[in-house]
Protein backbone atom coordinates (compact mmCIF):
# COMPACT_ATOMS: atom_id res chain seq x y z
CA MET A 1 135.66 -7.72 -96.44
CA GLU A 2 137.85 -9.75 -94.55
CA THR A 3 141.43 -9.74 -93.71
CA ALA A 4 144.57 -11.67 -92.98
CA ILE A 5 145.78 -10.16 -90.66
CA GLN A 6 144.55 -11.82 -87.67
CA ILE A 7 145.15 -11.80 -83.79
CA ASN A 8 147.96 -14.08 -82.42
CA LYS A 9 149.34 -15.16 -86.27
CA THR A 10 153.26 -15.30 -86.61
CA PHE A 11 153.47 -13.14 -89.61
CA SER A 12 157.31 -12.77 -91.41
CA LEU A 13 158.30 -8.99 -92.93
CA GLU A 14 157.65 -10.11 -96.12
CA GLN A 15 154.11 -11.01 -95.89
CA LEU A 16 152.77 -8.22 -94.05
CA ALA A 17 154.87 -6.08 -96.82
CA ARG A 18 152.11 -7.94 -98.88
CA GLU A 19 149.63 -6.78 -96.79
CA GLY A 20 150.58 -3.27 -97.50
CA LEU A 21 152.23 -2.93 -93.47
CA GLN A 22 154.54 -0.36 -93.01
CA GLN A 23 156.85 -0.48 -90.24
CA ARG A 24 157.38 2.17 -88.16
CA ASP A 25 159.67 3.04 -85.30
CA VAL A 26 159.35 4.17 -81.77
CA LYS A 27 161.62 3.99 -79.19
CA GLU A 28 158.94 4.27 -76.11
CA LEU A 29 157.86 0.73 -77.09
CA SER A 30 159.38 -2.37 -77.58
CA ALA A 31 156.83 -3.37 -79.66
CA LYS A 32 157.03 -3.99 -83.22
CA ILE A 33 154.35 -1.17 -85.24
CA PHE A 34 152.84 -1.16 -88.74
CA ILE A 35 150.60 1.26 -90.09
CA LYS A 36 147.91 0.38 -92.51
CA GLY A 37 145.63 3.06 -93.46
CA ASP A 38 143.75 4.17 -90.19
CA LYS A 39 144.77 1.18 -88.63
CA VAL A 40 148.26 0.66 -86.53
CA TYR A 41 149.13 -3.02 -85.59
CA PHE A 42 151.01 -4.16 -82.77
CA PHE A 43 153.93 -7.38 -83.14
CA ASP A 44 155.87 -9.11 -80.71
CA GLN A 45 158.59 -10.58 -82.12
CA THR A 46 159.03 -14.26 -81.73
CA ASP A 47 162.36 -14.72 -83.84
CA ASN A 48 164.31 -13.47 -86.30
CA LYS A 49 162.30 -13.49 -89.16
CA HIS A 50 159.02 -13.61 -87.80
CA TYR A 51 156.51 -11.72 -85.97
CA ARG A 52 153.51 -12.28 -83.24
CA LEU A 53 150.34 -9.81 -83.78
CA TYR A 54 148.03 -9.45 -80.73
CA SER A 55 146.94 -5.66 -80.69
CA VAL A 56 145.40 -3.51 -83.00
CA ILE A 57 143.86 0.28 -82.79
CA HIS A 58 142.61 3.47 -85.00
CA LYS A 59 145.86 5.93 -85.85
CA ARG A 60 144.27 7.80 -84.37
CA SER A 61 144.00 6.76 -80.29
CA PHE A 62 147.93 6.04 -81.22
CA PHE A 63 149.31 9.42 -82.06
CA LEU A 64 147.45 11.44 -79.45
């Protein structure tokens, strides 16, 4: 099954919520962080309402 979340695509917060991603606050990074299952998604904020996905890693790699 292929996901609708793709690298370098832009999404609104509403779209990310529909995909089941949950935002996490991380003070040490300027990226917007979202988590779904065992994946961590990193986004740049492109404007006031949109975010560009630039990386996806496994949750264990992020929290080590």
